[in-house]
Amino acid sequence: MTYKIHYDAATGEILERRPDDIEYPEPIGNPWVSVTDEDFARSLNSGAYIDVETLHVTVKPIAPPTLDELKASKKREITAARDAAIAAGTTWRTHAVDADEDAQRAASAQIVKSMAYQQMGRPVPDTPWRLKDGSYVTLSDADVWDLSQAIEAHVSGCYSREAALAAQIEAAETPEDLNALCWE
């Protein structure tokens, strides 16, 4: 099968592609070149153009990313890994618990509640807490503080790990240095 490719005569930019075996109401624009299946397939690549001297489909070589672009990509990768590690939760007294933003807010709210009850001189009521597996435990006031510290330590540890890796990313001098860095 052959195809027609309409292109810009000055730049070689591909403007339109058509199979030869289909009738169109309007003819393909000028200039155009007839190409084979192989050239047609190549024309679908990003950066493909018509070499205006040879009238062949050519693919511009894609420049490799710069070290700064690789560093930015690695930082996004590490940030995503940090977010995943936080979302994975932590362990508190053998229980798997959430540590995502909702869990952090809930733990903080329980601490505020505890402080308010203490300010009023009233005993702090026990609090039900949902574990990662969906079951519940009842937390005493001391448990609330302990759980909150466990969640905070987990989240802070994740941010500390990200900060250490970010410093190593900035110090990297080659793509290989960057490839050696990972969350795990």
N, C-alpha and C. Protein backbone atom coordinates (compact mmCIF):
# COMPACT_ATOMS: atom_id res chain seq x y z
N MET A 1 0.84 -1.17 0.00
CA MET A 1 0.00 0.00 0.00
C MET A 1 0.89 1.24 0.00
N THR A 2 0.44 2.29 -0.61
CA THR A 2 1.18 3.55 -0.60
C THR A 2 0.31 4.63 0.01
N TYR A 3 0.98 5.68 0.43
CA TYR A 3 0.32 6.80 1.10
C TYR A 3 0.83 8.09 0.49
N LYS A 4 0.03 9.14 0.65
CA LYS A 4 0.46 10.47 0.25
C LYS A 4 0.63 11.29 1.52
N ILE A 5 1.73 12.00 1.56
CA ILE A 5 1.99 12.89 2.70
C ILE A 5 2.16 14.30 2.16
N HIS A 6 1.30 15.18 2.64
CA HIS A 6 1.39 16.61 2.31
C HIS A 6 2.32 17.24 3.33
N TYR A 7 3.25 18.08 2.85
CA TYR A 7 4.23 18.67 3.74
C TYR A 7 4.48 20.12 3.39
N ASP A 8 5.07 20.86 4.32
CA ASP A 8 5.45 22.25 4.10
C ASP A 8 6.74 22.25 3.29
N ALA A 9 6.72 22.94 2.15
CA ALA A 9 7.87 22.93 1.24
C ALA A 9 9.11 23.56 1.85
N ALA A 10 8.95 24.49 2.77
CA ALA A 10 10.10 25.17 3.35
C ALA A 10 10.71 24.38 4.51
N THR A 11 9.86 23.84 5.37
CA THR A 11 10.37 23.19 6.59
C THR A 11 10.34 21.67 6.54
N GLY A 12 9.51 21.10 5.68
CA GLY A 12 9.34 19.66 5.65
C GLY A 12 8.34 19.15 6.66
N GLU A 13 7.72 20.07 7.42
CA GLU A 13 6.74 19.67 8.42
C GLU A 13 5.60 18.90 7.75
N ILE A 14 5.23 17.78 8.33
CA ILE A 14 4.15 16.97 7.79
C ILE A 14 2.82 17.60 8.20
N LEU A 15 2.00 17.88 7.18
CA LEU A 15 0.73 18.54 7.41
C LEU A 15 -0.46 17.59 7.34
N GLU A 16 -0.33 16.54 6.52
CA GLU A 16 -1.45 15.61 6.34
C GLU A 16 -0.91 14.29 5.79
N ARG A 17 -1.59 13.19 6.18
CA ARG A 17 -1.25 11.86 5.68
C ARG A 17 -2.53 11.22 5.16
N ARG A 18 -2.45 10.55 3.99
CA ARG A 18 -3.62 9.87 3.44
C ARG A 18 -3.22 8.56 2.78
N PRO A 19 -3.99 7.49 3.00
CA PRO A 19 -3.77 6.28 2.22
C PRO A 19 -4.24 6.53 0.78
N ASP A 20 -3.54 5.92 -0.18
CA ASP A 20 -3.89 6.10 -1.59
C ASP A 20 -5.19 5.43 -1.98
N ASP A 21 -5.60 4.42 -1.24
CA ASP A 21 -6.76 3.64 -1.68
C ASP A 21 -8.11 4.18 -1.21
N ILE A 22 -8.12 5.37 -0.62
CA ILE A 22 -9.38 5.97 -0.16
C ILE A 22 -9.63 7.23 -0.99
N GLU A 23 -10.85 7.37 -1.46
CA GLU A 23 -11.25 8.56 -2.21
C GLU A 23 -11.64 9.66 -1.22
N TYR A 24 -11.10 10.85 -1.42
CA TYR A 24 -11.41 11.99 -0.58
C TYR A 24 -12.13 13.04 -1.42
N PRO A 25 -13.02 13.82 -0.82
CA PRO A 25 -13.73 14.84 -1.60
C PRO A 25 -12.81 15.93 -2.14
N GLU A 26 -11.76 16.21 -1.41
CA GLU A 26 -10.78 17.22 -1.83
C GLU A 26 -9.44 16.55 -2.06
N PRO A 27 -8.71 16.96 -3.09
CA PRO A 27 -7.39 16.37 -3.30
C PRO A 27 -6.42 16.81 -2.20
N ILE A 28 -5.40 16.03 -1.97
CA ILE A 28 -4.38 16.37 -0.98
C ILE A 28 -3.66 17.63 -1.45
N GLY A 29 -3.26 18.46 -0.50
CA GLY A 29 -2.58 19.71 -0.85
C GLY A 29 -1.20 19.48 -1.44
N ASN A 30 -0.68 20.51 -2.07
CA ASN A 30 0.68 20.47 -2.63
C ASN A 30 1.62 21.18 -1.68
N PRO A 31 2.86 20.80 -1.60
CA PRO A 31 3.43 19.61 -2.24
C PRO A 31 3.10 18.36 -1.44
N TRP A 32 3.22 17.23 -2.08
CA TRP A 32 3.02 15.95 -1.43
C TRP A 32 4.02 14.95 -2.01
N VAL A 33 4.20 13.87 -1.26
CA VAL A 33 5.09 12.81 -1.68
C VAL A 33 4.39 11.48 -1.44
N SER A 34 4.63 10.52 -2.30
CA SER A 34 4.07 9.18 -2.15
C SER A 34 5.09 8.34 -1.36
N VAL A 35 4.59 7.63 -0.33
CA VAL A 35 5.50 6.85 0.52
C VAL A 35 4.99 5.43 0.71
N THR A 36 5.88 4.55 1.12
CA THR A 36 5.57 3.14 1.39
C THR A 36 5.03 2.99 2.81
N ASP A 37 4.60 1.77 3.13
CA ASP A 37 4.13 1.47 4.50
C ASP A 37 5.20 1.83 5.53
N GLU A 38 6.44 1.45 5.23
CA GLU A 38 7.54 1.68 6.18
C GLU A 38 7.74 3.18 6.42
N ASP A 39 7.78 3.97 5.34
CA ASP A 39 7.94 5.42 5.50
C ASP A 39 6.72 6.03 6.18
N PHE A 40 5.53 5.52 5.85
CA PHE A 40 4.32 6.03 6.51
C PHE A 40 4.40 5.79 8.02
N ALA A 41 4.79 4.58 8.40
CA ALA A 41 4.91 4.27 9.83
C ALA A 41 5.93 5.19 10.50
N ARG A 42 7.05 5.42 9.82
CA ARG A 42 8.08 6.31 10.36
C ARG A 42 7.55 7.73 10.49
N SER A 43 6.64 8.13 9.57
CA SER A 43 6.10 9.49 9.60
C SER A 43 5.24 9.74 10.83
N LEU A 44 4.80 8.69 11.49
CA LEU A 44 3.96 8.83 12.68
C LEU A 44 4.77 9.13 13.93
N ASN A 45 6.09 8.98 13.86
CA ASN A 45 6.95 9.27 15.00
C ASN A 45 6.99 10.76 15.29
N SER A 46 7.13 11.07 16.56
CA SER A 46 7.32 12.45 16.95
C SER A 46 8.62 12.96 16.33
N GLY A 47 8.58 14.13 15.75
CA GLY A 47 9.78 14.69 15.14
C GLY A 47 9.99 14.28 13.70
N ALA A 48 9.01 13.55 13.11
CA ALA A 48 9.16 13.14 11.71
C ALA A 48 8.89 14.34 10.80
N TYR A 49 9.62 14.38 9.68
CA TYR A 49 9.42 15.42 8.68
C TYR A 49 9.86 14.89 7.33
N ILE A 50 9.53 15.63 6.30
CA ILE A 50 9.96 15.27 4.95
C ILE A 50 11.24 16.05 4.65
N ASP A 51 12.30 15.34 4.34
CA ASP A 51 13.54 16.00 3.91
C ASP A 51 13.24 16.58 2.53
N VAL A 52 13.21 17.91 2.44
CA VAL A 52 12.78 18.56 1.19
C VAL A 52 13.77 18.37 0.05
N GLU A 53 14.98 17.93 0.35
CA GLU A 53 15.94 17.66 -0.73
C GLU A 53 15.80 16.25 -1.27
N THR A 54 15.61 15.28 -0.38
CA THR A 54 15.53 13.89 -0.83
C THR A 54 14.10 13.39 -0.96
N LEU A 55 13.15 14.13 -0.37
CA LEU A 55 11.73 13.76 -0.32
C LEU A 55 11.50 12.42 0.39
N HIS A 56 12.35 12.14 1.40
CA HIS A 56 12.20 10.96 2.23
C HIS A 56 11.71 11.37 3.62
N VAL A 57 10.98 10.46 4.25
CA VAL A 57 10.56 10.69 5.63
C VAL A 57 11.79 10.54 6.51
N THR A 58 12.00 11.54 7.34
CA THR A 58 13.15 11.55 8.24
C THR A 58 12.63 11.81 9.65
N VAL A 59 13.27 11.20 10.60
CA VAL A 59 12.89 11.43 11.99
C VAL A 59 14.03 12.19 12.66
N LYS A 60 13.68 13.34 13.22
CA LYS A 60 14.69 14.12 13.93
C LYS A 60 15.15 13.34 15.14
N PRO A 61 16.45 13.28 15.34
CA PRO A 61 16.91 12.62 16.56
C PRO A 61 16.44 13.44 17.77
N ILE A 62 15.98 12.74 18.74
CA ILE A 62 15.52 13.40 19.96
C ILE A 62 16.72 13.62 20.85
N ALA A 63 16.92 14.87 21.22
CA ALA A 63 18.07 15.20 22.07
C ALA A 63 17.88 14.53 23.44
N PRO A 64 18.95 13.98 23.97
CA PRO A 64 18.82 13.39 25.30
C PRO A 64 18.53 14.50 26.32
N PRO A 65 17.83 14.15 27.38
CA PRO A 65 17.53 15.18 28.38
C PRO A 65 18.81 15.71 29.04
N THR A 66 18.76 16.96 29.42
CA THR A 66 19.90 17.57 30.11
C THR A 66 19.97 17.02 31.53
N LEU A 67 21.08 17.23 32.18
CA LEU A 67 21.23 16.79 33.57
C LEU A 67 20.20 17.49 34.46
N ASP A 68 19.94 18.77 34.21
CA ASP A 68 18.93 19.48 35.00
C ASP A 68 17.54 18.89 34.80
N GLU A 69 17.20 18.49 33.58
CA GLU A 69 15.91 17.86 33.31
C GLU A 69 15.83 16.50 34.01
N LEU A 70 16.92 15.76 33.99
CA LEU A 70 16.95 14.47 34.68
C LEU A 70 16.82 14.66 36.19
N LYS A 71 17.46 15.69 36.72
CA LYS A 71 17.35 15.97 38.15
C LYS A 71 15.91 16.31 38.52
N ALA A 72 15.25 17.14 37.71
CA ALA A 72 13.86 17.51 37.98
C ALA A 72 12.96 16.27 37.94
N SER A 73 13.20 15.40 36.99
CA SER A 73 12.42 14.16 36.88
C SER A 73 12.67 13.26 38.09
N LYS A 74 13.91 13.16 38.53
CA LYS A 74 14.24 12.33 39.69
C LYS A 74 13.58 12.89 40.95
N LYS A 75 13.56 14.23 41.07
CA LYS A 75 12.90 14.84 42.24
C LYS A 75 11.41 14.51 42.25
N ARG A 76 10.76 14.55 41.07
CA ARG A 76 9.33 14.19 41.00
C ARG A 76 9.14 12.73 41.39
N GLU A 77 10.04 11.87 40.95
CA GLU A 77 9.98 10.44 41.29
C GLU A 77 10.09 10.25 42.80
N ILE A 78 11.03 10.96 43.42
CA ILE A 78 11.25 10.82 44.86
C ILE A 78 10.06 11.39 45.64
N THR A 79 9.50 12.51 45.18
CA THR A 79 8.33 13.08 45.85
C THR A 79 7.15 12.11 45.78
N ALA A 80 6.95 11.48 44.63
CA ALA A 80 5.88 10.49 44.50
C ALA A 80 6.13 9.30 45.43
N ALA A 81 7.38 8.90 45.56
CA ALA A 81 7.71 7.79 46.46
C ALA A 81 7.46 8.18 47.92
N ARG A 82 7.79 9.43 48.27
CA ARG A 82 7.51 9.92 49.62
C ARG A 82 6.02 9.88 49.91
N ASP A 83 5.22 10.39 48.95
CA ASP A 83 3.77 10.40 49.13
C ASP A 83 3.24 8.97 49.29
N ALA A 84 3.77 8.06 48.50
CA ALA A 84 3.34 6.66 48.60
C ALA A 84 3.72 6.05 49.95
N ALA A 85 4.91 6.38 50.43
CA ALA A 85 5.36 5.85 51.72
C ALA A 85 4.49 6.39 52.86
N ILE A 86 4.13 7.66 52.78
CA ILE A 86 3.25 8.23 53.81
C ILE A 86 1.89 7.54 53.74
N ALA A 87 1.36 7.40 52.52
CA ALA A 87 0.05 6.78 52.35
C ALA A 87 0.04 5.31 52.78
N ALA A 88 1.19 4.65 52.70
CA ALA A 88 1.27 3.25 53.10
C ALA A 88 1.06 3.08 54.61
N GLY A 89 1.26 4.17 55.36
CA GLY A 89 1.02 4.12 56.79
C GLY A 89 2.22 3.63 57.57
N THR A 90 1.96 3.36 58.85
CA THR A 90 3.03 2.95 59.75
C THR A 90 2.47 1.92 60.73
N THR A 91 3.30 1.51 61.65
CA THR A 91 2.87 0.55 62.67
C THR A 91 2.91 1.24 64.03
N TRP A 92 1.86 1.05 64.79
CA TRP A 92 1.79 1.56 66.15
C TRP A 92 1.35 0.40 67.03
N ARG A 93 2.23 0.02 67.94
CA ARG A 93 1.94 -1.08 68.88
C ARG A 93 1.39 -2.31 68.16
N THR A 94 2.05 -2.74 67.17
CA THR A 94 1.74 -3.91 66.33
C THR A 94 0.54 -3.71 65.41
N HIS A 95 -0.08 -2.55 65.44
CA HIS A 95 -1.23 -2.27 64.58
C HIS A 95 -0.78 -1.46 63.37
N ALA A 96 -1.24 -1.85 62.19
CA ALA A 96 -1.01 -1.04 60.99
C ALA A 96 -2.00 0.12 61.03
N VAL A 97 -1.47 1.33 60.93
CA VAL A 97 -2.32 2.53 60.97
C VAL A 97 -2.03 3.42 59.77
N ASP A 98 -3.05 4.16 59.38
CA ASP A 98 -2.89 5.13 58.31
C ASP A 98 -2.04 6.30 58.80
N ALA A 99 -1.35 6.94 57.85
CA ALA A 99 -0.56 8.13 58.19
C ALA A 99 -0.77 9.21 57.14
N ASP A 100 -1.81 9.05 56.31
CA ASP A 100 -2.08 10.04 55.27
C ASP A 100 -2.58 11.33 55.91
N GLU A 101 -2.90 12.30 55.08
CA GLU A 101 -3.32 13.61 55.61
C GLU A 101 -4.55 13.51 56.49
N ASP A 102 -5.50 12.64 56.13
CA ASP A 102 -6.69 12.47 56.96
C ASP A 102 -6.33 11.95 58.34
N ALA A 103 -5.45 10.96 58.40
CA ALA A 103 -5.03 10.40 59.69
C ALA A 103 -4.26 11.44 60.50
N GLN A 104 -3.43 12.23 59.82
CA GLN A 104 -2.67 13.27 60.52
C GLN A 104 -3.63 14.30 61.13
N ARG A 105 -4.64 14.71 60.34
CA ARG A 105 -5.62 15.68 60.86
C ARG A 105 -6.41 15.09 62.03
N ALA A 106 -6.81 13.84 61.89
CA ALA A 106 -7.59 13.20 62.96
C ALA A 106 -6.77 13.09 64.24
N ALA A 107 -5.51 12.72 64.12
CA ALA A 107 -4.64 12.61 65.30
C ALA A 107 -4.46 13.99 65.94
N SER A 108 -4.24 15.01 65.10
CA SER A 108 -4.09 16.37 65.63
C SER A 108 -5.36 16.82 66.33
N ALA A 109 -6.52 16.50 65.76
CA ALA A 109 -7.80 16.87 66.39
C ALA A 109 -7.95 16.19 67.75
N GLN A 110 -7.50 14.95 67.85
CA GLN A 110 -7.58 14.24 69.13
C GLN A 110 -6.66 14.87 70.17
N ILE A 111 -5.51 15.35 69.72
CA ILE A 111 -4.59 16.03 70.65
C ILE A 111 -5.23 17.33 71.14
N VAL A 112 -5.82 18.09 70.24
CA VAL A 112 -6.50 19.34 70.62
C VAL A 112 -7.63 19.04 71.60
N LYS A 113 -8.39 17.98 71.32
CA LYS A 113 -9.48 17.58 72.22
C LYS A 113 -8.92 17.24 73.60
N SER A 114 -7.83 16.51 73.63
CA SER A 114 -7.21 16.13 74.90
C SER A 114 -6.81 17.36 75.70
N MET A 115 -6.17 18.31 74.99
CA MET A 115 -5.72 19.54 75.66
C MET A 115 -6.91 20.34 76.18
N ALA A 116 -8.00 20.39 75.41
CA ALA A 116 -9.18 21.14 75.83
C ALA A 116 -9.79 20.52 77.10
N TYR A 117 -9.89 19.20 77.11
CA TYR A 117 -10.44 18.54 78.30
C TYR A 117 -9.55 18.78 79.51
N GLN A 118 -8.24 18.72 79.30
CA GLN A 118 -7.31 18.95 80.42
C GLN A 118 -7.43 20.38 80.92
N GLN A 119 -7.59 21.34 80.00
CA GLN A 119 -7.76 22.75 80.40
C GLN A 119 -9.01 22.93 81.26
N MET A 120 -10.05 22.17 80.93
CA MET A 120 -11.31 22.28 81.68
C MET A 120 -11.27 21.47 82.96
N GLY A 121 -10.18 20.72 83.17
CA GLY A 121 -10.07 19.90 84.37
C GLY A 121 -10.97 18.68 84.34
N ARG A 122 -11.33 18.28 83.14
CA ARG A 122 -12.22 17.12 83.00
C ARG A 122 -11.44 15.93 82.47
N PRO A 123 -11.87 14.71 82.80
CA PRO A 123 -11.19 13.54 82.28
C PRO A 123 -11.40 13.44 80.75
N VAL A 124 -10.36 13.01 80.08
CA VAL A 124 -10.42 12.88 78.62
C VAL A 124 -11.11 11.56 78.28
N PRO A 125 -12.19 11.61 77.51
CA PRO A 125 -12.89 10.35 77.19
C PRO A 125 -12.07 9.49 76.22
N ASP A 126 -12.29 8.18 76.34
CA ASP A 126 -11.64 7.27 75.39
C ASP A 126 -12.16 7.55 73.99
N THR A 127 -11.32 7.23 73.00
CA THR A 127 -11.65 7.54 71.60
C THR A 127 -11.52 6.30 70.73
N PRO A 128 -12.53 5.99 69.92
CA PRO A 128 -12.36 4.89 68.98
C PRO A 128 -11.45 5.34 67.82
N TRP A 129 -10.60 4.43 67.37
CA TRP A 129 -9.68 4.75 66.26
C TRP A 129 -9.72 3.61 65.25
N ARG A 130 -9.89 3.95 64.00
CA ARG A 130 -9.96 2.95 62.92
C ARG A 130 -8.54 2.60 62.48
N LEU A 131 -8.26 1.31 62.47
CA LEU A 131 -6.96 0.82 62.01
C LEU A 131 -6.98 0.61 60.50
N LYS A 132 -5.83 0.38 59.94
CA LYS A 132 -5.71 0.22 58.49
C LYS A 132 -6.55 -0.93 57.96
N ASP A 133 -6.73 -1.99 58.74
CA ASP A 133 -7.51 -3.14 58.28
C ASP A 133 -9.02 -2.95 58.45
N GLY A 134 -9.42 -1.77 58.92
CA GLY A 134 -10.85 -1.48 59.09
C GLY A 134 -11.39 -1.78 60.47
N SER A 135 -10.62 -2.45 61.30
CA SER A 135 -11.08 -2.73 62.67
C SER A 135 -10.82 -1.49 63.54
N TYR A 136 -11.37 -1.51 64.74
CA TYR A 136 -11.25 -0.36 65.64
C TYR A 136 -10.60 -0.77 66.95
N VAL A 137 -9.88 0.18 67.53
CA VAL A 137 -9.37 0.04 68.89
C VAL A 137 -9.84 1.27 69.66
N THR A 138 -9.88 1.14 70.96
CA THR A 138 -10.25 2.26 71.82
C THR A 138 -8.98 2.85 72.39
N LEU A 139 -8.81 4.16 72.19
CA LEU A 139 -7.59 4.84 72.65
C LEU A 139 -7.86 5.62 73.92
N SER A 140 -6.98 5.42 74.89
CA SER A 140 -7.00 6.27 76.09
C SER A 140 -6.31 7.58 75.72
N ASP A 141 -6.31 8.53 76.61
CA ASP A 141 -5.64 9.81 76.35
C ASP A 141 -4.15 9.58 76.07
N ALA A 142 -3.52 8.71 76.83
CA ALA A 142 -2.09 8.42 76.62
C ALA A 142 -1.87 7.75 75.26
N ASP A 143 -2.81 6.88 74.88
CA ASP A 143 -2.73 6.23 73.57
C ASP A 143 -2.79 7.24 72.44
N VAL A 144 -3.67 8.23 72.57
CA VAL A 144 -3.82 9.25 71.53
C VAL A 144 -2.50 9.97 71.32
N TRP A 145 -1.86 10.35 72.42
CA TRP A 145 -0.58 11.05 72.31
C TRP A 145 0.48 10.14 71.69
N ASP A 146 0.51 8.90 72.10
CA ASP A 146 1.49 7.94 71.58
C ASP A 146 1.27 7.68 70.09
N LEU A 147 0.01 7.47 69.69
CA LEU A 147 -0.32 7.25 68.28
C LEU A 147 0.05 8.47 67.44
N SER A 148 -0.28 9.63 67.95
CA SER A 148 0.04 10.87 67.22
C SER A 148 1.55 11.00 67.01
N GLN A 149 2.32 10.65 68.01
CA GLN A 149 3.78 10.70 67.88
C GLN A 149 4.28 9.68 66.87
N ALA A 150 3.66 8.51 66.82
CA ALA A 150 4.07 7.48 65.85
C ALA A 150 3.79 7.94 64.43
N ILE A 151 2.62 8.54 64.22
CA ILE A 151 2.27 9.05 62.88
C ILE A 151 3.22 10.17 62.50
N GLU A 152 3.46 11.09 63.42
CA GLU A 152 4.36 12.23 63.14
C GLU A 152 5.76 11.76 62.85
N ALA A 153 6.25 10.76 63.58
CA ALA A 153 7.60 10.24 63.35
C ALA A 153 7.70 9.61 61.96
N HIS A 154 6.66 8.89 61.57
CA HIS A 154 6.64 8.27 60.24
C HIS A 154 6.67 9.33 59.15
N VAL A 155 5.79 10.32 59.26
CA VAL A 155 5.70 11.37 58.24
C VAL A 155 7.01 12.18 58.20
N SER A 156 7.52 12.55 59.35
CA SER A 156 8.78 13.30 59.40
C SER A 156 9.93 12.48 58.83
N GLY A 157 9.93 11.19 59.10
CA GLY A 157 10.96 10.32 58.54
C GLY A 157 10.90 10.27 57.02
N CYS A 158 9.69 10.27 56.49
CA CYS A 158 9.54 10.26 55.02
C CYS A 158 10.06 11.57 54.43
N TYR A 159 9.74 12.68 55.06
CA TYR A 159 10.24 13.98 54.57
C TYR A 159 11.76 14.08 54.73
N SER A 160 12.28 13.54 55.80
CA SER A 160 13.74 13.55 55.99
C SER A 160 14.44 12.73 54.92
N ARG A 161 13.87 11.58 54.60
CA ARG A 161 14.43 10.74 53.54
C ARG A 161 14.40 11.49 52.21
N GLU A 162 13.28 12.15 51.93
CA GLU A 162 13.18 12.92 50.69
C GLU A 162 14.23 14.04 50.66
N ALA A 163 14.41 14.74 51.78
CA ALA A 163 15.39 15.84 51.83
C ALA A 163 16.80 15.32 51.59
N ALA A 164 17.14 14.17 52.17
CA ALA A 164 18.48 13.60 51.97
C ALA A 164 18.68 13.22 50.51
N LEU A 165 17.67 12.62 49.91
CA LEU A 165 17.77 12.25 48.50
C LEU A 165 17.82 13.49 47.60
N ALA A 166 17.07 14.53 47.95
CA ALA A 166 17.09 15.77 47.16
C ALA A 166 18.50 16.37 47.17
N ALA A 167 19.18 16.32 48.30
CA ALA A 167 20.56 16.83 48.36
C ALA A 167 21.47 15.99 47.47
N GLN A 168 21.28 14.68 47.48
CA GLN A 168 22.09 13.82 46.63
C GLN A 168 21.78 14.05 45.15
N ILE A 169 20.52 14.34 44.85
CA ILE A 169 20.14 14.65 43.46
C ILE A 169 20.86 15.92 43.01
N GLU A 170 20.84 16.94 43.84
CA GLU A 170 21.51 18.20 43.49
C GLU A 170 23.01 18.01 43.30
N ALA A 171 23.59 17.11 44.08
CA ALA A 171 25.04 16.89 44.01
C ALA A 171 25.43 15.96 42.84
N ALA A 172 24.46 15.29 42.25
CA ALA A 172 24.76 14.34 41.17
C ALA A 172 25.42 15.07 40.00
N GLU A 173 26.41 14.42 39.42
CA GLU A 173 27.15 15.02 38.31
C GLU A 173 26.92 14.32 36.99
N THR A 174 26.31 13.12 37.04
CA THR A 174 26.08 12.37 35.81
C THR A 174 24.70 11.71 35.87
N PRO A 175 24.16 11.32 34.72
CA PRO A 175 22.91 10.56 34.73
C PRO A 175 23.04 9.25 35.52
N GLU A 176 24.21 8.66 35.49
CA GLU A 176 24.41 7.41 36.23
C GLU A 176 24.31 7.65 37.74
N ASP A 177 24.83 8.82 38.19
CA ASP A 177 24.68 9.16 39.61
C ASP A 177 23.21 9.23 39.98
N LEU A 178 22.41 9.83 39.11
CA LEU A 178 20.96 9.95 39.38
C LEU A 178 20.28 8.60 39.36
N ASN A 179 20.64 7.75 38.41
CA ASN A 179 20.02 6.43 38.31
C ASN A 179 20.29 5.58 39.55
N ALA A 180 21.37 5.85 40.22
CA ALA A 180 21.72 5.08 41.42
C ALA A 180 20.86 5.47 42.63
N LEU A 181 20.17 6.60 42.54
CA LEU A 181 19.37 7.08 43.66
C LEU A 181 17.96 6.56 43.56
N CYS A 182 17.47 5.98 44.66
CA CYS A 182 16.09 5.53 44.68
C CYS A 182 15.58 5.57 46.12
N TRP A 183 14.28 5.55 46.26
CA TRP A 183 13.66 5.66 47.58
C TRP A 183 14.00 4.47 48.45
N GLU A 184 13.92 3.28 47.89
CA GLU A 184 14.15 2.07 48.69
C GLU A 184 15.60 1.89 49.08
